[in-house]
Amino acid sequence: MASRCRSLAGGLSIEGYPGIGVTLAQYLPANTTLDPVAEGQNSTCSSWIPIPPMPVNLCRLAIHVPTSNSSEIVEEVWLPEDWSGRFLSTGNGGLGGCIQYPDLAFAASYGSASVGNNNGHNGTSGGAVFHQPEVLEDLVWRALYAGAVIEKEITRQFYGSTHQKSCYFGCSMGGRQGWNAAQFHPELFDGIMVGAPAVGVTGLFSHFARFLTSFGTDVESAEVSVEQWSAVQNETLRQCDDLDGATDGIVEDNRRCQPDLSTLLCGKYGHATSLVSTVCLSSFQLSLVESFFEPWYVDGQLIYSGLSHSGDEVFQATSLMGDNPTGWATEARRRKLESECMDAVPRHRSWPKNKTPTTSTLSRAIYRGSETAEPRSSTGTAKRMSTSTSRNRIAITSTCPRRCTLRPNN
């Protein structure tokens, strides 16, 4: 196994993908630890995704794949010594410039060959797509597709036989990638597990921009305080937690959760009418909070359907504010808009305070063709997958999945 692994450093020949370069081919015994930052990985990735020790003996292969004259993707392929005959492709979170090492380790622990990639750029910043349409193409779909095709062929060459089943899982932006694969390339995988899929992503980013414009970007002086968001979260859990029959602090099916937040309105003595909260909201604050979860229309066009009540409202709100707001909600949106709309709308460097419905509608129109289709396509997806192969399955969860069907008996 070790010598066979090291021999991969001599190069790879994959039909349809000329110019693949091998940067690393090493045999790693179980419990080996990695330091990707020391190897040159962007430091924002390691702080975001802790890397566990190797769960089993495996061959670690790192490659770079040209996707155009101005773009390339970086992939890692993990090939366990005791291979189960299965293959797993992993998605990315946020703006997806980081290989998900914990997911690769999880796959290896079940004997599955696996692949992860950087989606054509390094780190968590969205600035990589600025004036770079080919990099955007990698992010939208090409990196995932190429990674799956290439890794399956590497697996076949390395083990001397094809995989028995292929699987995908990812969360958030990785969930969007899974939807994209199911809708446009159903032949890639036998099963797909997606969590909290960020479909309709341009509308989502516009929705975040609207939030920041309405609520403010400073946690300390925001229109609705963290304490008040905590009251919203507690009231949501009070009304929705036991809808699934279990009172466990989890809103299992957020589609059924439609809390009446008027119980938090400040009454005559400045307290909420809710029996479980002494924190209250003014009618203006309540209207802002409710707008966060309601559909948003501009000139009759749906921009975004609104976020779900999930019992994590404090996180949803505060992750958008503060000194270091979530990059995929701020920087990436601004970069994309500036890159494509500079001649059509003012390039507001003070974004998002100058964000307008007009810029949201324009940006959504520009990017709608490159993002994954909306959830309305799920019925067609099922039909396409069933006609592709009888083994295709897709599972959707409202939260990020931590398990995929990798056991041999499934």
Protein backbone atom coordinates (compact mmCIF):
# COMPACT_ATOMS: atom_id res chain seq x y z
CA MET A 1 0.00 0.00 0.00
CA ALA A 2 2.72 2.51 0.96
CA SER A 3 4.78 2.00 -2.19
CA ARG A 4 1.68 2.00 -4.38
CA CYS A 5 0.64 5.29 -2.79
CA ARG A 6 4.02 6.94 -3.31
CA SER A 7 4.02 5.84 -6.94
CA LEU A 8 1.12 8.23 -7.59
CA ALA A 9 3.61 11.09 -7.29
CA GLY A 10 4.78 10.16 -10.78
CA GLY A 11 1.63 11.67 -12.25
CA LEU A 12 -1.93 10.83 -13.22
CA SER A 13 -3.66 10.31 -16.54
CA ILE A 14 -7.39 11.07 -16.41
CA GLU A 15 -9.37 11.30 -19.64
CA GLY A 16 -10.84 14.75 -20.15
CA TYR A 17 -8.59 16.39 -17.58
CA PRO A 18 -5.13 17.06 -19.01
CA GLY A 19 -2.54 18.86 -16.94
CA ILE A 20 -3.37 17.34 -13.55
CA GLY A 21 -0.45 17.90 -11.18
CA VAL A 22 0.32 15.80 -8.11
CA THR A 23 1.60 17.87 -5.21
CA LEU A 24 1.49 15.20 -2.53
CA ALA A 25 1.28 11.41 -2.38
CA GLN A 26 1.92 10.02 1.08
CA TYR A 27 1.01 6.96 3.08
CA LEU A 28 -0.33 7.93 6.52
CA PRO A 29 -0.67 5.42 9.37
CA ALA A 30 -3.67 5.69 11.68
CA ASN A 31 -3.48 8.50 14.29
CA THR A 32 -1.22 10.65 12.11
CA THR A 33 -2.02 14.35 12.54
CA LEU A 34 -1.97 16.97 9.79
CA ASP A 35 -0.95 20.64 9.71
CA PRO A 36 -2.29 21.96 6.39
CA VAL A 37 -1.32 25.54 7.24
CA ALA A 38 2.32 24.48 7.46
CA GLU A 39 1.79 22.89 4.06
CA GLY A 40 0.55 26.18 2.61
CA GLN A 41 -3.20 26.09 3.18
CA ASN A 42 -4.95 29.38 3.90
CA SER A 43 -4.99 29.93 7.66
CA THR A 44 -8.67 30.88 7.70
CA CYS A 45 -9.52 27.27 6.92
CA SER A 46 -7.75 25.68 9.88
CA SER A 47 -9.30 28.04 12.39
CA TRP A 48 -12.71 27.21 10.99
CA ILE A 49 -12.40 23.43 10.62
CA PRO A 50 -10.43 21.50 13.29
CA ILE A 51 -8.62 18.53 11.77
CA PRO A 52 -8.84 15.15 13.55
CA PRO A 53 -6.08 12.49 13.46
CA MET A 54 -6.17 9.88 10.71
CA PRO A 55 -8.78 7.28 11.73
CA VAL A 56 -7.20 4.46 9.66
CA ASN A 57 -4.17 3.73 7.49
CA LEU A 58 -4.64 5.52 4.18
CA CYS A 59 -3.06 7.05 1.12
CA ARG A 60 -3.38 10.83 0.98
CA LEU A 61 -3.21 12.32 -2.48
CA ALA A 62 -3.23 16.09 -3.19
CA ILE A 63 -3.63 17.30 -6.76
CA HIS A 64 -4.35 20.51 -8.67
CA VAL A 65 -6.60 20.46 -11.72
CA PRO A 66 -6.69 23.26 -14.33
CA THR A 67 -10.29 24.16 -15.16
CA SER A 68 -9.56 27.04 -17.55
CA ASN A 69 -6.73 29.34 -18.54
CA SER A 70 -7.39 31.39 -15.41
CA SER A 71 -8.59 28.90 -12.81
CA GLU A 72 -7.80 25.61 -11.14
CA ILE A 73 -9.08 23.51 -8.27
CA VAL A 74 -7.11 21.84 -5.50
CA GLU A 75 -8.31 18.41 -4.39
CA GLU A 76 -7.42 15.87 -1.77
CA VAL A 77 -8.23 12.21 -2.30
CA TRP A 78 -8.08 9.85 0.67
CA LEU A 79 -7.76 6.14 -0.13
CA PRO A 80 -8.07 3.86 2.93
CA GLU A 81 -6.00 0.71 3.02
CA ASP A 82 -9.04 -1.39 3.91
CA TRP A 83 -11.39 -0.13 1.19
CA SER A 84 -15.11 -0.88 1.51
CA GLY A 85 -15.78 -0.41 -2.21
CA ARG A 86 -17.52 2.89 -1.58
CA PHE A 87 -16.85 6.47 -2.63
CA LEU A 88 -17.82 9.71 -0.90
CA SER A 89 -17.67 13.24 -2.30
CA THR A 90 -17.77 15.99 0.31
CA GLY A 91 -19.22 19.49 0.01
CA ASN A 92 -18.03 22.81 1.38
CA GLY A 93 -19.42 25.31 3.85
CA GLY A 94 -19.72 29.07 3.59
CA LEU A 95 -18.07 30.21 0.38
CA GLY A 96 -16.28 26.93 0.17
CA GLY A 97 -12.55 27.60 -0.21
CA CYS A 98 -11.59 25.00 2.39
CA ILE A 99 -11.25 21.24 2.13
CA GLN A 100 -13.48 19.63 4.78
CA TYR A 101 -10.92 17.39 6.48
CA PRO A 102 -13.31 16.14 9.20
CA ASP A 103 -15.62 14.83 6.48
CA LEU A 104 -12.74 13.04 4.74
CA ALA A 105 -11.75 11.49 8.07
CA PHE A 106 -15.33 10.40 8.70
CA ALA A 107 -15.50 8.70 5.31
CA ALA A 108 -12.15 6.97 5.86
CA SER A 109 -13.32 5.62 9.23
CA TYR A 110 -15.91 3.58 7.30
CA GLY A 111 -13.41 2.45 4.69
CA SER A 112 -14.75 4.77 2.01
CA ALA A 113 -12.54 6.49 -0.55
CA SER A 114 -13.29 10.21 -0.49
CA VAL A 115 -12.54 13.53 -2.11
CA GLY A 116 -12.66 17.16 -1.00
CA ASN A 117 -11.70 20.31 -2.89
CA ASN A 118 -11.24 24.05 -2.45
CA ASN A 119 -13.89 25.05 -5.02
CA GLY A 120 -11.31 26.90 -7.05
CA HIS A 121 -10.07 29.34 -4.42
CA ASN A 122 -8.30 29.32 -1.06
CA GLY A 123 -9.75 30.42 2.25
CA THR A 124 -13.13 31.63 3.43
CA SER A 125 -13.12 34.99 1.61
CA GLY A 126 -15.50 35.67 -1.24
CA GLY A 127 -13.07 38.11 -2.85
CA ALA A 128 -11.72 35.34 -5.06
CA VAL A 129 -14.66 35.69 -7.47
CA PHE A 130 -14.03 39.41 -7.99
CA HIS A 131 -13.62 39.88 -11.78
CA GLN A 132 -13.00 36.11 -12.03
CA PRO A 133 -15.91 34.43 -13.87
CA GLU A 134 -14.02 31.14 -14.21
CA VAL A 135 -13.42 30.98 -10.46
CA LEU A 136 -17.12 31.63 -9.94
CA GLU A 137 -17.88 28.77 -12.32
CA ASP A 138 -15.71 26.46 -10.21
CA LEU A 139 -17.52 27.59 -7.07
CA VAL A 140 -20.98 27.15 -8.54
CA TRP A 141 -20.63 23.61 -9.92
CA ARG A 142 -17.44 22.71 -11.79
CA ALA A 143 -15.21 21.88 -8.83
CA LEU A 144 -17.67 19.37 -7.39
CA TYR A 145 -18.32 17.73 -10.75
CA ALA A 146 -14.65 17.46 -11.70
CA GLY A 147 -13.72 16.23 -8.24
CA ALA A 148 -16.22 13.37 -8.37
CA VAL A 149 -15.29 12.29 -11.90
CA ILE A 150 -11.54 12.44 -11.26
CA GLU A 151 -11.66 10.75 -7.86
CA LYS A 152 -13.73 7.85 -9.17
CA GLU A 153 -11.11 7.21 -11.85
CA ILE A 154 -8.26 7.52 -9.35
CA THR A 155 -10.06 5.02 -7.13
CA ARG A 156 -10.44 2.59 -10.02
CA GLN A 157 -6.78 2.89 -10.99
CA PHE A 158 -5.53 2.60 -7.42
CA TYR A 159 -7.63 -0.36 -6.25
CA GLY A 160 -7.97 -2.07 -9.61
CA SER A 161 -11.77 -2.11 -9.54
CA THR A 162 -14.64 0.38 -9.76
CA HIS A 163 -16.60 1.54 -6.74
CA GLN A 164 -19.80 -0.26 -5.74
CA LYS A 165 -21.70 2.80 -4.60
CA SER A 166 -21.07 6.55 -4.57
CA CYS A 167 -22.39 9.02 -2.04
CA TYR A 168 -22.34 12.76 -1.44
CA PHE A 169 -22.99 14.88 1.60
CA GLY A 170 -22.67 18.54 2.43
CA CYS A 171 -24.29 21.29 4.46
CA SER A 172 -25.35 24.86 3.76
CA MET A 173 -23.37 25.85 0.64
CA GLY A 174 -22.44 22.17 0.46
CA GLY A 175 -26.16 21.43 0.50
CA ARG A 176 -26.56 23.74 -2.49
CA GLN A 177 -23.78 21.81 -4.24
CA GLY A 178 -25.65 18.57 -3.60
CA TRP A 179 -28.85 19.99 -5.06
CA ASN A 180 -26.92 21.21 -8.07
CA ALA A 181 -25.44 17.75 -8.64
CA ALA A 182 -28.84 16.06 -8.26
CA GLN A 183 -30.53 18.42 -10.67
CA PHE A 184 -27.93 18.72 -13.38
CA HIS A 185 -25.71 15.62 -12.97
CA PRO A 186 -27.86 12.89 -11.39
CA GLU A 187 -25.55 10.22 -12.75
CA LEU A 188 -22.76 11.26 -10.37
CA PHE A 189 -24.09 9.73 -7.16
CA ASP A 190 -26.23 6.85 -5.95
CA GLY A 191 -27.24 8.78 -2.83
CA ILE A 192 -27.12 12.41 -1.74
CA MET A 193 -27.43 13.74 1.81
CA VAL A 194 -27.82 17.52 2.06
CA GLY A 195 -28.37 19.63 5.16
CA ALA A 196 -29.73 23.19 5.31
CA PRO A 197 -29.16 23.62 1.54
CA ALA A 198 -28.47 27.25 0.58
CA VAL A 199 -30.52 27.16 -2.61
CA GLY A 200 -31.54 30.46 -4.16
CA VAL A 201 -28.27 31.79 -2.84
CA THR A 202 -28.33 35.21 -4.55
CA GLY A 203 -31.70 35.93 -2.97
CA LEU A 204 -30.32 34.74 0.37
CA PHE A 205 -27.37 37.12 0.18
CA SER A 206 -29.69 39.98 -0.77
CA HIS A 207 -31.84 39.09 2.23
CA PHE A 208 -28.78 39.33 4.49
CA ALA A 209 -27.92 42.71 3.02
CA ARG A 210 -31.45 43.87 3.74
CA PHE A 211 -31.10 42.62 7.31
CA LEU A 212 -27.91 44.59 7.87
CA THR A 213 -29.44 47.71 6.35
CA SER A 214 -32.47 47.46 8.65
CA PHE A 215 -30.87 46.26 11.88
CA GLY A 216 -27.40 47.77 11.68
CA THR A 217 -23.97 46.13 11.72
CA ASP A 218 -22.95 46.95 15.30
CA VAL A 219 -24.08 44.40 17.88
CA GLU A 220 -23.89 46.96 20.68
CA SER A 221 -26.14 49.53 18.99
CA ALA A 222 -28.31 47.32 16.77
CA GLU A 223 -32.02 48.04 16.49
CA VAL A 224 -32.70 44.72 18.24
CA SER A 225 -30.29 43.73 21.02
CA VAL A 226 -28.78 40.30 21.58
CA GLU A 227 -30.89 40.05 24.75
CA GLN A 228 -34.02 40.66 22.71
CA TRP A 229 -32.98 38.12 20.07
CA SER A 230 -32.49 35.66 22.92
CA ALA A 231 -36.07 36.35 24.02
CA VAL A 232 -37.23 35.68 20.43
CA GLN A 233 -35.34 32.40 20.45
CA ASN A 234 -36.73 31.31 23.81
CA GLU A 235 -40.28 32.18 22.77
CA THR A 236 -39.82 30.24 19.51
CA LEU A 237 -38.68 27.18 21.45
CA ARG A 238 -41.55 27.56 23.91
CA GLN A 239 -44.10 27.46 21.10
CA CYS A 240 -42.41 25.01 18.72
CA ASP A 241 -40.08 22.70 20.62
CA ASP A 242 -42.65 20.01 21.38
CA LEU A 243 -44.30 20.00 17.95
CA ASP A 244 -42.38 16.81 17.21
CA GLY A 245 -43.47 15.18 20.49
CA ALA A 246 -40.16 15.72 22.28
CA THR A 247 -39.19 18.69 24.44
CA ASP A 248 -35.45 18.67 23.81
CA GLY A 249 -34.46 22.21 22.81
CA ILE A 250 -34.62 21.34 19.10
CA VAL A 251 -37.12 22.50 16.48
CA GLU A 252 -37.12 19.30 14.45
CA ASP A 253 -39.42 20.42 11.63
CA ASN A 254 -39.07 24.16 11.20
CA ARG A 255 -41.70 24.19 8.46
CA ARG A 256 -44.33 23.67 11.14
CA CYS A 257 -42.91 26.35 13.41
CA GLN A 258 -44.89 29.58 13.01
CA PRO A 259 -44.60 31.27 16.41
CA ASP A 260 -46.76 34.19 17.45
CA LEU A 261 -44.10 36.68 18.55
CA SER A 262 -46.65 39.33 19.52
CA THR A 263 -46.36 37.82 23.00
CA LEU A 264 -43.06 39.73 23.23
CA LEU A 265 -44.64 43.14 22.65
CA CYS A 266 -44.00 45.60 25.44
CA GLY A 267 -47.12 46.04 27.54
CA LYS A 268 -48.34 48.76 29.83
CA TYR A 269 -45.51 48.26 32.30
CA GLY A 270 -42.76 47.70 29.77
CA HIS A 271 -42.78 43.90 30.04
CA ALA A 272 -43.68 41.26 27.47
CA THR A 273 -47.05 39.60 27.71
CA SER A 274 -45.31 36.23 27.45
CA LEU A 275 -45.22 34.42 30.78
CA VAL A 276 -41.63 33.24 30.22
CA SER A 277 -39.92 36.50 29.29
CA THR A 278 -39.32 39.80 31.04
CA VAL A 279 -37.67 41.21 27.89
CA CYS A 280 -39.96 42.94 25.42
CA LEU A 281 -39.89 44.46 21.94
CA SER A 282 -41.49 47.64 20.69
CA SER A 283 -43.92 47.34 17.80
CA PHE A 284 -41.22 48.68 15.49
CA GLN A 285 -38.68 46.11 16.69
CA LEU A 286 -41.22 43.33 16.36
CA SER A 287 -41.95 44.33 12.76
CA LEU A 288 -38.20 44.20 12.01
CA VAL A 289 -37.85 40.75 13.56
CA GLU A 290 -40.86 39.40 11.70
CA SER A 291 -39.51 40.78 8.40
CA PHE A 292 -36.43 38.60 8.90
CA PHE A 293 -38.61 35.49 8.54
CA GLU A 294 -41.16 36.69 5.99
CA PRO A 295 -41.02 36.47 2.18
CA TRP A 296 -39.44 39.54 0.57
CA TYR A 297 -40.89 40.88 -2.67
CA VAL A 298 -39.67 43.73 -4.86
CA ASP A 299 -42.11 44.97 -7.50
CA GLY A 300 -44.03 41.72 -7.23
CA GLN A 301 -40.92 39.55 -7.66
CA LEU A 302 -39.95 37.17 -4.88
CA ILE A 303 -36.35 37.88 -3.88
CA TYR A 304 -36.20 35.49 -0.93
CA SER A 305 -38.70 33.39 0.98
CA GLY A 306 -37.37 34.39 4.41
CA LEU A 307 -35.49 32.38 7.01
CA SER A 308 -37.06 29.64 9.09
CA HIS A 309 -37.79 29.73 12.81
CA SER A 310 -35.36 27.09 14.02
CA GLY A 311 -34.68 27.89 17.66
CA ASP A 312 -31.28 29.36 16.78
CA GLU A 313 -32.38 32.94 16.16
CA VAL A 314 -29.53 34.42 18.23
CA PHE A 315 -26.96 32.77 15.98
CA GLN A 316 -28.81 33.74 12.80
CA ALA A 317 -28.85 37.39 13.81
CA THR A 318 -25.49 37.87 15.49
CA SER A 319 -23.51 35.98 12.83
CA LEU A 320 -24.34 38.88 10.49
CA MET A 321 -23.19 41.64 12.84
CA GLY A 322 -20.13 42.64 14.81
CA ASP A 323 -16.51 43.44 14.01
CA ASN A 324 -16.07 40.23 11.99
CA PRO A 325 -19.41 39.42 10.33
CA THR A 326 -19.82 36.23 8.35
CA GLY A 327 -17.99 36.66 5.05
CA TRP A 328 -20.53 34.85 2.90
CA ALA A 329 -23.18 37.31 4.03
CA THR A 330 -21.20 40.49 3.45
CA GLU A 331 -17.97 40.49 1.49
CA ALA A 332 -18.90 37.90 -1.13
CA ARG A 333 -22.16 39.65 -1.91
CA ARG A 334 -20.40 43.00 -2.36
CA ARG A 335 -17.62 41.53 -4.50
CA LYS A 336 -20.03 39.75 -6.82
CA LEU A 337 -22.19 42.80 -7.22
CA GLU A 338 -19.25 45.12 -7.90
CA SER A 339 -17.71 42.65 -10.34
CA GLU A 340 -20.77 42.34 -12.56
CA CYS A 341 -22.79 45.50 -12.01
CA MET A 342 -20.23 48.31 -11.98
CA ASP A 343 -21.72 49.96 -15.05
CA ALA A 344 -25.31 49.53 -13.98
CA VAL A 345 -25.35 50.56 -10.32
CA PRO A 346 -23.14 52.73 -8.10
CA ARG A 347 -20.20 50.84 -6.58
CA HIS A 348 -20.98 51.54 -2.95
CA ARG A 349 -17.84 50.95 -0.90
CA SER A 350 -19.88 51.52 2.24
CA TRP A 351 -22.07 48.51 1.47
CA PRO A 352 -24.42 47.26 2.85
CA LYS A 353 -25.81 50.54 4.18
CA ASN A 354 -26.48 51.73 0.63
CA LYS A 355 -27.97 48.41 -0.51
CA THR A 356 -31.25 48.87 -2.37
CA PRO A 357 -33.99 46.59 -3.75
CA THR A 358 -32.88 47.63 -7.25
CA THR A 359 -29.37 46.26 -6.80
CA SER A 360 -30.76 43.06 -5.25
CA THR A 361 -33.09 42.47 -8.20
CA LEU A 362 -30.34 43.17 -10.74
CA SER A 363 -27.78 40.93 -9.08
CA ARG A 364 -30.29 38.11 -8.73
CA ALA A 365 -31.12 38.30 -12.43
CA ILE A 366 -27.45 38.19 -13.39
CA TYR A 367 -26.58 35.20 -11.23
CA ARG A 368 -29.77 33.21 -11.45
CA GLY A 369 -28.48 31.27 -14.44
CA SER A 370 -25.32 30.17 -12.65
CA GLU A 371 -26.70 29.15 -9.28
CA THR A 372 -28.53 25.95 -8.49
CA ALA A 373 -32.21 25.79 -9.33
CA GLU A 374 -34.78 26.68 -6.70
CA PRO A 375 -36.39 24.08 -4.40
CA ARG A 376 -39.42 23.95 -6.71
CA SER A 377 -37.37 21.54 -8.85
CA SER A 378 -37.33 18.78 -6.24
CA THR A 379 -40.11 16.78 -7.92
CA GLY A 380 -38.33 16.90 -11.25
CA THR A 381 -35.11 15.98 -9.49
CA ALA A 382 -36.64 12.81 -8.11
CA LYS A 383 -37.95 11.85 -11.53
CA ARG A 384 -34.62 12.49 -13.23
CA MET A 385 -32.73 10.53 -10.60
CA SER A 386 -35.10 7.59 -10.75
CA THR A 387 -34.74 7.39 -14.52
CA SER A 388 -30.97 7.64 -14.27
CA THR A 389 -30.56 4.62 -11.98
CA SER A 390 -32.83 2.83 -9.56
CA ARG A 391 -30.28 3.22 -6.77
CA ASN A 392 -30.36 7.03 -6.70
CA ARG A 393 -31.61 8.51 -3.42
CA ILE A 394 -31.65 12.04 -2.07
CA ALA A 395 -32.25 12.97 1.56
CA ILE A 396 -32.75 16.51 2.82
CA THR A 397 -32.39 17.70 6.41
CA SER A 398 -33.01 21.14 7.89
CA THR A 399 -29.72 20.99 9.79
CA CYS A 400 -26.23 19.88 8.83
CA PRO A 401 -25.88 16.07 8.56
CA ARG A 402 -23.01 14.37 10.33
CA ARG A 403 -23.63 10.87 9.00
CA CYS A 404 -23.95 9.40 5.53
CA THR A 405 -24.95 5.91 4.42
CA LEU A 406 -21.49 4.35 4.17
CA ARG A 407 -22.06 1.07 6.00
CA PRO A 408 -21.72 -1.94 3.65
CA ASN A 409 -25.22 -3.29 4.37
CA ASN A 410 -26.96 -0.12 3.15
